[in-house]
């Protein structure tokens, strides 16, 4: 296991979790258990998606009002920038960066109200699940390079979708973020 790739920031926003997975390797390849309901505190994930990204791609920055994300990088390496936007959260305003890679798999769970962007350091495949069916009305976004966001991306000119390139500044979406509700 590459310990540098699995180094975690000292603090993560409340509700964000990283679960290091056990990879079983033999001459045939690798078997990894990616999900167990018992790993989560009652969250259910209803929709699963697979995404292939080229090196230098940045997806986001997005924040969901209702749904949680659960993801794993199967191949490649990605940096996952996070910022807690939930008013009243014990970690409100906290910024963190988590690196995940296919050779040392771990899952990342992101609750509603935590802004997130995914930057891929090399060609990558990640799988993610959402706790509610994807709905455009549930997704807000802001500029990845807004200084108010405070996420230090490794590339000032990443490849972005047209939509992500035209997102508003962070200040425009903050009034729409619901107050923090303590997880049950």
N, C-alpha and C. Protein backbone atom coordinates (compact mmCIF):
# COMPACT_ATOMS: atom_id res chain seq x y z
N UNK A 1 0.85 -1.18 0.00
CA UNK A 1 0.00 0.00 0.00
C UNK A 1 0.89 1.23 0.00
N UNK A 2 0.57 2.19 -0.83
CA UNK A 2 1.31 3.45 -0.91
C UNK A 2 0.78 4.37 0.17
N UNK A 3 1.53 4.52 1.26
CA UNK A 3 1.03 5.30 2.39
C UNK A 3 0.89 6.77 2.06
N UNK A 4 1.71 7.29 1.14
CA UNK A 4 1.59 8.71 0.77
C UNK A 4 0.23 8.97 0.13
N UNK A 5 -0.23 8.05 -0.69
CA UNK A 5 -1.51 8.24 -1.37
C UNK A 5 -2.67 8.12 -0.39
N UNK A 6 -2.48 7.43 0.70
CA UNK A 6 -3.57 7.22 1.63
C UNK A 6 -3.51 8.19 2.81
N UNK A 7 -2.56 9.11 2.79
CA UNK A 7 -2.47 10.08 3.88
C UNK A 7 -3.74 10.92 3.90
N UNK A 8 -4.31 11.08 5.06
CA UNK A 8 -5.54 11.85 5.20
C UNK A 8 -5.26 13.18 5.86
N UNK A 9 -6.06 14.18 5.54
CA UNK A 9 -5.91 15.45 6.24
C UNK A 9 -6.23 15.23 7.72
N UNK A 10 -5.72 16.10 8.59
CA UNK A 10 -5.97 15.91 10.02
C UNK A 10 -7.44 16.01 10.37
N UNK A 11 -8.21 16.80 9.63
CA UNK A 11 -9.63 16.97 9.91
C UNK A 11 -10.43 16.86 8.62
N UNK A 12 -11.59 16.28 8.74
CA UNK A 12 -12.54 16.21 7.63
C UNK A 12 -13.85 16.83 8.11
N UNK A 13 -14.64 17.38 7.20
CA UNK A 13 -15.95 17.89 7.60
C UNK A 13 -16.78 16.80 8.27
N UNK A 14 -17.59 17.18 9.22
CA UNK A 14 -18.49 16.25 9.90
C UNK A 14 -19.31 15.50 8.86
N UNK A 15 -19.35 14.19 8.98
CA UNK A 15 -20.12 13.36 8.06
C UNK A 15 -19.32 12.83 6.89
N UNK A 16 -18.15 13.40 6.61
CA UNK A 16 -17.27 12.87 5.57
C UNK A 16 -16.48 11.73 6.20
N UNK A 17 -16.38 10.63 5.48
CA UNK A 17 -15.60 9.52 6.02
C UNK A 17 -14.81 8.86 4.90
N UNK A 18 -13.66 8.31 5.30
CA UNK A 18 -12.81 7.54 4.41
C UNK A 18 -12.70 6.15 5.01
N UNK A 19 -12.94 5.13 4.22
CA UNK A 19 -12.86 3.75 4.67
C UNK A 19 -11.83 3.04 3.81
N UNK A 20 -10.69 2.68 4.40
CA UNK A 20 -9.65 1.97 3.67
C UNK A 20 -10.12 0.55 3.40
N UNK A 21 -10.02 0.13 2.15
CA UNK A 21 -10.51 -1.17 1.74
C UNK A 21 -9.38 -2.20 1.73
N UNK A 22 -9.75 -3.43 1.94
CA UNK A 22 -8.79 -4.53 1.92
C UNK A 22 -8.78 -5.13 0.53
N UNK A 23 -7.64 -5.03 -0.13
CA UNK A 23 -7.49 -5.56 -1.48
C UNK A 23 -6.84 -6.94 -1.39
N UNK A 24 -7.48 -7.94 -1.98
CA UNK A 24 -6.96 -9.30 -1.98
C UNK A 24 -6.32 -9.55 -3.35
N UNK A 25 -4.99 -9.65 -3.36
CA UNK A 25 -4.25 -9.82 -4.61
C UNK A 25 -3.74 -11.25 -4.74
N UNK A 26 -3.78 -11.76 -5.96
CA UNK A 26 -3.13 -13.02 -6.29
C UNK A 26 -2.74 -12.96 -7.77
N UNK A 27 -2.27 -14.06 -8.30
CA UNK A 27 -1.77 -14.08 -9.68
C UNK A 27 -2.85 -13.74 -10.71
N UNK A 28 -4.13 -13.84 -10.32
CA UNK A 28 -5.23 -13.54 -11.25
C UNK A 28 -5.57 -12.06 -11.29
N UNK A 29 -5.21 -11.33 -10.22
CA UNK A 29 -5.56 -9.93 -10.13
C UNK A 29 -5.91 -9.54 -8.72
N UNK A 30 -6.98 -8.74 -8.58
CA UNK A 30 -7.34 -8.18 -7.27
C UNK A 30 -8.85 -8.30 -7.05
N UNK A 31 -9.23 -8.70 -5.85
CA UNK A 31 -10.62 -8.69 -5.42
C UNK A 31 -10.73 -7.72 -4.25
N UNK A 32 -11.71 -6.81 -4.34
CA UNK A 32 -11.92 -5.84 -3.26
C UNK A 32 -13.41 -5.72 -2.97
N UNK A 33 -13.77 -5.83 -1.73
CA UNK A 33 -15.14 -5.58 -1.31
C UNK A 33 -15.31 -4.06 -1.23
N UNK A 34 -16.22 -3.50 -2.05
CA UNK A 34 -16.37 -2.06 -2.16
C UNK A 34 -17.43 -1.47 -1.24
N UNK A 35 -18.40 -2.27 -0.84
CA UNK A 35 -19.52 -1.71 -0.09
C UNK A 35 -20.13 -2.76 0.81
N UNK A 36 -20.42 -2.35 2.02
CA UNK A 36 -21.22 -3.13 2.97
C UNK A 36 -22.15 -2.13 3.65
N UNK A 37 -23.39 -2.48 3.73
CA UNK A 37 -24.36 -1.60 4.38
C UNK A 37 -23.93 -1.28 5.81
N UNK A 38 -23.29 -2.23 6.49
CA UNK A 38 -22.88 -2.02 7.88
C UNK A 38 -21.80 -0.95 8.02
N UNK A 39 -21.12 -0.57 6.93
CA UNK A 39 -20.10 0.47 7.00
C UNK A 39 -20.70 1.86 7.13
N UNK A 40 -21.97 1.98 6.83
CA UNK A 40 -22.62 3.29 6.84
C UNK A 40 -23.65 3.35 7.94
N UNK A 41 -23.99 4.53 8.35
CA UNK A 41 -24.93 4.70 9.46
C UNK A 41 -26.35 4.89 8.95
N UNK A 42 -26.84 3.89 8.25
CA UNK A 42 -28.22 3.91 7.81
C UNK A 42 -28.46 4.54 6.45
N UNK A 43 -27.44 5.12 5.82
CA UNK A 43 -27.63 5.71 4.49
C UNK A 43 -27.88 4.60 3.47
N UNK A 44 -28.74 4.89 2.53
CA UNK A 44 -29.01 3.96 1.42
C UNK A 44 -28.60 4.65 0.14
N UNK A 45 -27.98 3.90 -0.74
CA UNK A 45 -27.55 4.46 -2.02
C UNK A 45 -28.35 3.81 -3.13
N UNK A 46 -29.05 4.64 -3.93
CA UNK A 46 -30.05 4.17 -4.89
C UNK A 46 -29.58 4.16 -6.33
N UNK A 47 -28.56 4.92 -6.64
CA UNK A 47 -28.10 5.03 -8.03
C UNK A 47 -26.58 4.94 -8.03
N UNK A 48 -26.02 4.10 -8.91
CA UNK A 48 -24.57 3.91 -9.04
C UNK A 48 -24.14 4.36 -10.42
N UNK A 49 -22.98 5.04 -10.49
CA UNK A 49 -22.47 5.58 -11.75
C UNK A 49 -20.99 5.26 -11.88
N UNK A 50 -20.53 5.05 -13.11
CA UNK A 50 -19.12 4.86 -13.41
C UNK A 50 -18.64 6.02 -14.25
N UNK A 51 -17.45 6.55 -13.94
CA UNK A 51 -16.92 7.72 -14.64
C UNK A 51 -15.46 7.48 -15.00
N UNK A 52 -15.14 7.69 -16.26
CA UNK A 52 -13.76 7.65 -16.73
C UNK A 52 -13.33 9.09 -16.98
N UNK A 53 -12.17 9.47 -16.45
CA UNK A 53 -11.67 10.83 -16.59
C UNK A 53 -10.24 10.80 -17.10
N UNK A 54 -9.90 11.74 -17.97
CA UNK A 54 -8.53 11.90 -18.45
C UNK A 54 -7.70 12.63 -17.38
N UNK A 55 -6.39 12.54 -17.49
CA UNK A 55 -5.51 13.31 -16.60
C UNK A 55 -5.78 14.79 -16.80
N UNK A 56 -5.82 15.53 -15.71
CA UNK A 56 -6.03 16.97 -15.79
C UNK A 56 -7.48 17.41 -15.78
N UNK A 57 -8.41 16.47 -15.66
CA UNK A 57 -9.84 16.80 -15.61
C UNK A 57 -10.22 17.19 -14.18
N UNK A 58 -11.02 18.24 -14.07
CA UNK A 58 -11.60 18.62 -12.78
C UNK A 58 -13.12 18.59 -12.95
N UNK A 59 -13.79 17.83 -12.09
CA UNK A 59 -15.25 17.73 -12.10
C UNK A 59 -15.76 18.48 -10.87
N UNK A 60 -16.53 19.54 -11.11
CA UNK A 60 -17.05 20.32 -9.98
C UNK A 60 -16.51 21.73 -10.04
N UNK A 61 -16.78 22.39 -8.99
CA UNK A 61 -17.13 22.04 -7.62
C UNK A 61 -18.65 22.07 -7.48
N UNK A 62 -19.19 20.99 -6.91
CA UNK A 62 -20.63 20.84 -6.73
C UNK A 62 -20.95 20.66 -5.25
N UNK A 63 -22.21 20.90 -4.91
CA UNK A 63 -22.71 20.63 -3.57
C UNK A 63 -24.16 20.20 -3.73
N UNK A 64 -24.55 19.19 -2.96
CA UNK A 64 -25.91 18.67 -3.04
C UNK A 64 -26.69 19.08 -1.80
N UNK A 65 -27.96 19.38 -2.01
CA UNK A 65 -28.83 19.80 -0.92
C UNK A 65 -29.42 18.61 -0.18
N UNK A 66 -29.63 17.48 -0.89
CA UNK A 66 -30.26 16.30 -0.27
C UNK A 66 -29.40 15.06 -0.32
N UNK A 67 -28.74 14.80 -1.43
CA UNK A 67 -28.12 13.48 -1.55
C UNK A 67 -26.67 13.44 -1.07
N UNK A 68 -26.32 12.27 -0.56
CA UNK A 68 -24.95 11.96 -0.16
C UNK A 68 -24.29 11.19 -1.30
N UNK A 69 -22.97 11.30 -1.38
CA UNK A 69 -22.18 10.56 -2.36
C UNK A 69 -21.33 9.52 -1.64
N UNK A 70 -21.07 8.42 -2.32
CA UNK A 70 -20.20 7.35 -1.83
C UNK A 70 -19.37 6.93 -3.03
N UNK A 71 -18.03 7.04 -2.96
CA UNK A 71 -17.24 6.78 -4.15
C UNK A 71 -15.95 6.05 -3.85
N UNK A 72 -15.41 5.43 -4.92
CA UNK A 72 -14.13 4.74 -4.87
C UNK A 72 -13.45 4.91 -6.22
N UNK A 73 -12.14 5.14 -6.19
CA UNK A 73 -11.33 5.16 -7.41
C UNK A 73 -10.86 3.74 -7.64
N UNK A 74 -11.20 3.18 -8.80
CA UNK A 74 -10.79 1.80 -9.13
C UNK A 74 -9.47 1.77 -9.89
N UNK A 75 -9.24 2.77 -10.73
CA UNK A 75 -7.98 2.87 -11.47
C UNK A 75 -7.59 4.34 -11.53
N UNK A 76 -6.30 4.60 -11.40
CA UNK A 76 -5.81 5.96 -11.50
C UNK A 76 -5.69 6.61 -10.13
N UNK A 77 -5.61 7.96 -10.15
CA UNK A 77 -5.46 8.73 -8.92
C UNK A 77 -6.24 10.02 -9.03
N UNK A 78 -6.91 10.38 -7.94
CA UNK A 78 -7.67 11.62 -7.91
C UNK A 78 -7.50 12.35 -6.59
N UNK A 79 -7.60 13.68 -6.68
CA UNK A 79 -7.63 14.54 -5.50
C UNK A 79 -9.06 15.02 -5.33
N UNK A 80 -9.59 14.89 -4.13
CA UNK A 80 -10.96 15.24 -3.84
C UNK A 80 -10.96 16.42 -2.88
N UNK A 81 -11.28 17.60 -3.42
CA UNK A 81 -11.31 18.82 -2.62
C UNK A 81 -12.67 18.98 -1.99
N UNK A 82 -12.69 19.28 -0.69
CA UNK A 82 -13.92 19.37 0.09
C UNK A 82 -13.97 20.68 0.85
N UNK A 83 -15.17 21.23 0.99
CA UNK A 83 -15.38 22.40 1.87
C UNK A 83 -16.76 22.28 2.49
N UNK A 84 -16.83 22.35 3.80
CA UNK A 84 -18.09 22.27 4.53
C UNK A 84 -18.80 23.62 4.42
N UNK A 85 -19.94 23.65 3.74
CA UNK A 85 -20.72 24.88 3.54
C UNK A 85 -21.93 24.96 4.46
N UNK A 86 -22.16 23.97 5.32
CA UNK A 86 -23.38 23.90 6.12
C UNK A 86 -23.34 24.88 7.28
N UNK A 87 -24.25 25.88 7.27
CA UNK A 87 -24.30 26.83 8.39
C UNK A 87 -24.57 26.08 9.71
N UNK A 88 -23.77 26.37 10.71
CA UNK A 88 -23.96 25.74 12.02
C UNK A 88 -23.24 24.42 12.19
N UNK A 89 -22.60 23.90 11.15
CA UNK A 89 -21.85 22.65 11.29
C UNK A 89 -20.64 22.90 12.18
N UNK A 90 -20.27 21.91 13.01
CA UNK A 90 -19.07 22.07 13.84
C UNK A 90 -17.81 22.27 12.99
N UNK A 91 -17.87 21.87 11.71
CA UNK A 91 -16.71 22.03 10.83
C UNK A 91 -17.02 23.01 9.68
N UNK A 92 -17.98 23.91 9.91
CA UNK A 92 -18.35 24.90 8.88
C UNK A 92 -17.10 25.64 8.40
N UNK A 93 -16.93 25.70 7.08
CA UNK A 93 -15.80 26.40 6.48
C UNK A 93 -14.54 25.56 6.34
N UNK A 94 -14.50 24.38 6.96
CA UNK A 94 -13.31 23.53 6.89
C UNK A 94 -13.06 23.09 5.46
N UNK A 95 -11.81 23.20 5.03
CA UNK A 95 -11.38 22.74 3.71
C UNK A 95 -10.46 21.55 3.91
N UNK A 96 -10.63 20.52 3.09
CA UNK A 96 -9.78 19.33 3.17
C UNK A 96 -9.55 18.80 1.76
N UNK A 97 -8.43 18.10 1.60
CA UNK A 97 -8.10 17.45 0.34
C UNK A 97 -7.79 16.00 0.65
N UNK A 98 -8.46 15.08 -0.04
CA UNK A 98 -8.24 13.65 0.14
C UNK A 98 -7.76 13.09 -1.19
N UNK A 99 -6.69 12.32 -1.17
CA UNK A 99 -6.20 11.66 -2.37
C UNK A 99 -6.61 10.20 -2.31
N UNK A 100 -7.21 9.71 -3.39
CA UNK A 100 -7.58 8.31 -3.51
C UNK A 100 -6.93 7.75 -4.76
N UNK A 101 -6.57 6.47 -4.71
CA UNK A 101 -5.98 5.84 -5.88
C UNK A 101 -6.41 4.39 -6.00
N UNK A 102 -6.39 3.91 -7.22
CA UNK A 102 -6.82 2.55 -7.50
C UNK A 102 -5.94 1.49 -6.90
N UNK A 103 -4.66 1.78 -6.69
CA UNK A 103 -3.74 0.77 -6.15
C UNK A 103 -3.83 0.62 -4.64
N UNK A 104 -4.52 1.52 -3.96
CA UNK A 104 -4.68 1.45 -2.51
C UNK A 104 -6.09 1.94 -2.21
N UNK A 105 -7.07 1.14 -2.57
CA UNK A 105 -8.45 1.61 -2.58
C UNK A 105 -9.01 1.96 -1.21
N UNK A 106 -9.80 3.03 -1.24
CA UNK A 106 -10.55 3.48 -0.08
C UNK A 106 -11.83 4.12 -0.60
N UNK A 107 -12.85 4.14 0.22
CA UNK A 107 -14.09 4.82 -0.17
C UNK A 107 -14.14 6.18 0.50
N UNK A 108 -14.86 7.08 -0.13
CA UNK A 108 -15.07 8.42 0.40
C UNK A 108 -16.56 8.67 0.42
N UNK A 109 -17.06 9.08 1.57
CA UNK A 109 -18.48 9.40 1.72
C UNK A 109 -18.60 10.90 1.96
N UNK A 110 -19.46 11.56 1.18
CA UNK A 110 -19.63 13.01 1.26
C UNK A 110 -21.11 13.30 1.53
N UNK A 111 -21.42 13.94 2.66
CA UNK A 111 -22.82 14.24 2.98
C UNK A 111 -23.31 15.48 2.24
N UNK A 112 -24.63 15.68 2.21
CA UNK A 112 -25.18 16.91 1.63
C UNK A 112 -24.59 18.14 2.34
N UNK A 113 -24.41 19.21 1.57
CA UNK A 113 -23.91 20.46 2.14
C UNK A 113 -22.40 20.60 2.15
N UNK A 114 -21.68 19.54 1.76
CA UNK A 114 -20.22 19.62 1.66
C UNK A 114 -19.88 19.74 0.18
N UNK A 115 -19.30 20.88 -0.19
CA UNK A 115 -18.89 21.11 -1.58
C UNK A 115 -17.74 20.18 -1.91
N UNK A 116 -17.72 19.70 -3.15
CA UNK A 116 -16.67 18.76 -3.55
C UNK A 116 -16.35 18.91 -5.04
N UNK A 117 -15.08 18.75 -5.33
CA UNK A 117 -14.60 18.72 -6.69
C UNK A 117 -13.60 17.59 -6.80
N UNK A 118 -13.52 17.00 -7.98
CA UNK A 118 -12.66 15.85 -8.20
C UNK A 118 -11.65 16.21 -9.29
N UNK A 119 -10.36 16.17 -8.97
CA UNK A 119 -9.30 16.45 -9.93
C UNK A 119 -8.50 15.17 -10.15
N UNK A 120 -8.32 14.79 -11.41
CA UNK A 120 -7.66 13.52 -11.71
C UNK A 120 -6.23 13.75 -12.19
N UNK A 121 -5.29 13.14 -11.47
CA UNK A 121 -3.86 13.29 -11.72
C UNK A 121 -3.38 12.43 -12.88
N UNK A 122 -4.16 11.41 -13.22
CA UNK A 122 -3.84 10.50 -14.32
C UNK A 122 -5.16 9.92 -14.82
N UNK A 123 -5.15 9.28 -15.98
CA UNK A 123 -6.41 8.67 -16.44
C UNK A 123 -6.98 7.79 -15.33
N UNK A 124 -8.27 7.95 -15.05
CA UNK A 124 -8.87 7.31 -13.88
C UNK A 124 -10.27 6.81 -14.15
N UNK A 125 -10.65 5.81 -13.37
CA UNK A 125 -12.00 5.27 -13.36
C UNK A 125 -12.48 5.33 -11.92
N UNK A 126 -13.61 6.01 -11.69
CA UNK A 126 -14.18 5.96 -10.34
C UNK A 126 -15.66 5.59 -10.46
N UNK A 127 -16.14 4.95 -9.40
CA UNK A 127 -17.53 4.54 -9.29
C UNK A 127 -18.10 5.30 -8.10
N UNK A 128 -19.30 5.85 -8.30
CA UNK A 128 -19.93 6.53 -7.17
C UNK A 128 -21.41 6.24 -7.12
N UNK A 129 -21.92 6.31 -5.90
CA UNK A 129 -23.33 6.08 -5.65
C UNK A 129 -23.91 7.33 -5.02
N UNK A 130 -25.22 7.51 -5.20
CA UNK A 130 -25.92 8.63 -4.58
C UNK A 130 -27.12 8.10 -3.81
N UNK A 131 -27.44 8.80 -2.73
CA UNK A 131 -28.50 8.34 -1.83
C UNK A 131 -29.89 8.70 -2.32
N UNK A 132 -30.00 9.58 -3.30
CA UNK A 132 -31.26 9.93 -3.95
C UNK A 132 -30.99 9.91 -5.44
N UNK A 133 -31.99 9.60 -6.24
CA UNK A 133 -31.78 9.64 -7.68
C UNK A 133 -31.33 11.02 -8.09
N UNK A 134 -30.38 11.07 -9.04
CA UNK A 134 -29.82 12.35 -9.47
C UNK A 134 -30.93 13.26 -9.95
N UNK A 135 -30.88 14.50 -9.50
CA UNK A 135 -31.88 15.51 -9.82
C UNK A 135 -31.15 16.85 -9.92
N UNK A 136 -31.23 17.49 -11.06
CA UNK A 136 -30.53 18.75 -11.28
C UNK A 136 -30.89 19.79 -10.21
N UNK A 137 -32.12 19.76 -9.71
CA UNK A 137 -32.54 20.72 -8.69
C UNK A 137 -31.81 20.51 -7.36
N UNK A 138 -31.21 19.33 -7.17
CA UNK A 138 -30.49 19.02 -5.94
C UNK A 138 -29.02 19.44 -6.00
N UNK A 139 -28.56 19.87 -7.16
CA UNK A 139 -27.14 20.14 -7.33
C UNK A 139 -26.86 21.61 -7.59
N UNK A 140 -26.04 22.19 -6.73
CA UNK A 140 -25.54 23.54 -6.93
C UNK A 140 -24.06 23.43 -7.26
N UNK A 141 -23.50 24.49 -7.79
CA UNK A 141 -22.08 24.48 -8.08
C UNK A 141 -21.51 25.88 -8.00
N UNK A 142 -20.19 25.93 -7.81
CA UNK A 142 -19.49 27.21 -7.79
C UNK A 142 -18.15 27.05 -8.51
N UNK A 143 -17.55 28.17 -8.83
CA UNK A 143 -16.26 28.19 -9.53
C UNK A 143 -15.21 27.45 -8.71
N UNK A 144 -14.49 26.55 -9.37
CA UNK A 144 -13.43 25.80 -8.69
C UNK A 144 -12.30 26.71 -8.21
N UNK A 145 -12.09 27.82 -8.93
CA UNK A 145 -10.97 28.71 -8.63
C UNK A 145 -11.37 29.97 -7.85
N UNK A 146 -12.57 29.97 -7.29
CA UNK A 146 -13.00 31.10 -6.47
C UNK A 146 -12.13 31.14 -5.21
N UNK A 147 -11.40 32.24 -4.98
CA UNK A 147 -10.55 32.32 -3.78
C UNK A 147 -11.34 32.11 -2.48
N UNK A 148 -12.62 32.48 -2.47
CA UNK A 148 -13.44 32.31 -1.27
C UNK A 148 -13.67 30.83 -0.95
N UNK A 149 -13.57 29.96 -1.95
CA UNK A 149 -13.75 28.52 -1.73
C UNK A 149 -12.59 27.96 -0.92
N UNK A 150 -11.38 28.41 -1.21
CA UNK A 150 -10.21 28.02 -0.41
C UNK A 150 -9.62 26.66 -0.72
N UNK A 151 -9.99 26.04 -1.84
CA UNK A 151 -9.41 24.74 -2.20
C UNK A 151 -8.22 25.00 -3.12
N UNK A 152 -7.05 24.50 -2.74
CA UNK A 152 -5.82 24.69 -3.52
C UNK A 152 -5.66 23.53 -4.50
N UNK A 153 -6.13 23.72 -5.71
CA UNK A 153 -6.02 22.70 -6.75
C UNK A 153 -4.60 22.71 -7.32
N UNK A 154 -4.10 21.57 -7.80
CA UNK A 154 -2.73 21.52 -8.32
C UNK A 154 -2.58 22.11 -9.73
N UNK A 155 -3.69 22.45 -10.37
CA UNK A 155 -3.65 22.92 -11.75
C UNK A 155 -4.60 24.10 -11.88
N UNK A 156 -4.08 25.25 -12.28
CA UNK A 156 -4.90 26.45 -12.43
C UNK A 156 -5.74 26.43 -13.70
N UNK A 157 -5.41 25.54 -14.63
CA UNK A 157 -6.14 25.45 -15.91
C UNK A 157 -6.55 24.01 -16.21
N UNK A 158 -7.39 23.42 -15.36
CA UNK A 158 -7.80 22.04 -15.60
C UNK A 158 -8.78 21.96 -16.76
N UNK A 159 -9.01 20.73 -17.24
CA UNK A 159 -10.08 20.50 -18.22
C UNK A 159 -11.39 20.50 -17.46
N UNK A 160 -12.33 21.34 -17.90
CA UNK A 160 -13.63 21.48 -17.26
C UNK A 160 -14.74 21.26 -18.28
N UNK A 161 -15.90 20.83 -17.79
CA UNK A 161 -17.08 20.80 -18.66
C UNK A 161 -17.52 22.24 -18.90
N UNK A 162 -18.30 22.44 -19.94
CA UNK A 162 -18.86 23.77 -20.22
C UNK A 162 -19.64 24.27 -19.01
N UNK A 163 -20.43 23.39 -18.43
CA UNK A 163 -21.24 23.76 -17.26
C UNK A 163 -20.36 24.22 -16.09
N UNK A 164 -19.33 23.43 -15.76
CA UNK A 164 -18.48 23.77 -14.63
C UNK A 164 -17.67 25.05 -14.90
N UNK A 165 -17.31 25.28 -16.14
CA UNK A 165 -16.58 26.50 -16.51
C UNK A 165 -17.41 27.75 -16.25
N UNK A 166 -18.74 27.63 -16.32
CA UNK A 166 -19.63 28.78 -16.20
C UNK A 166 -20.36 28.87 -14.85
N UNK A 167 -19.89 28.14 -13.85
CA UNK A 167 -20.53 28.18 -12.54
C UNK A 167 -20.32 29.54 -11.88
N UNK A 168 -21.24 29.93 -10.99
CA UNK A 168 -21.13 31.23 -10.31
C UNK A 168 -20.11 31.18 -9.17
N UNK A 169 -19.82 32.33 -8.58
CA UNK A 169 -18.94 32.33 -7.40
C UNK A 169 -19.64 31.69 -6.20
N UNK A 170 -18.85 31.29 -5.22
CA UNK A 170 -19.36 30.66 -4.01
C UNK A 170 -20.43 31.50 -3.33
N UNK A 171 -20.24 32.80 -3.25
CA UNK A 171 -21.18 33.69 -2.56
C UNK A 171 -22.60 33.57 -3.11
N UNK A 172 -22.73 33.25 -4.39
CA UNK A 172 -24.05 33.14 -5.01
C UNK A 172 -24.84 31.92 -4.53
N UNK A 173 -24.15 30.86 -4.11
CA UNK A 173 -24.88 29.65 -3.71
C UNK A 173 -25.02 29.50 -2.19
N UNK A 174 -24.20 30.20 -1.43
CA UNK A 174 -24.25 30.04 0.04
C UNK A 174 -25.63 30.24 0.64
N UNK A 175 -26.43 31.22 0.19
CA UNK A 175 -27.76 31.39 0.80
C UNK A 175 -28.70 30.19 0.61
N UNK A 176 -28.39 29.31 -0.34
CA UNK A 176 -29.26 28.16 -0.61
C UNK A 176 -28.88 26.91 0.17
N UNK A 177 -27.78 26.95 0.91
CA UNK A 177 -27.30 25.77 1.65
C UNK A 177 -28.08 25.67 2.96
N UNK A 178 -28.75 24.55 3.21
CA UNK A 178 -29.52 24.42 4.46
C UNK A 178 -28.60 24.31 5.68
N UNK A 179 -29.15 24.70 6.82
CA UNK A 179 -28.42 24.62 8.09
C UNK A 179 -28.06 23.17 8.39
N UNK A 180 -26.99 23.01 9.12
CA UNK A 180 -26.51 21.69 9.53
C UNK A 180 -27.54 21.03 10.44
N UNK A 181 -27.78 19.76 10.17
CA UNK A 181 -28.63 18.94 11.04
C UNK A 181 -27.77 17.79 11.55
N UNK A 182 -27.66 17.64 12.84
CA UNK A 182 -26.84 16.59 13.43
C UNK A 182 -27.28 15.23 12.91
N UNK A 183 -26.34 14.41 12.37
CA UNK A 183 -26.71 13.07 11.90
C UNK A 183 -27.32 12.25 13.03
N UNK A 184 -28.32 11.47 12.68
CA UNK A 184 -29.00 10.63 13.67
C UNK A 184 -28.22 9.36 13.92
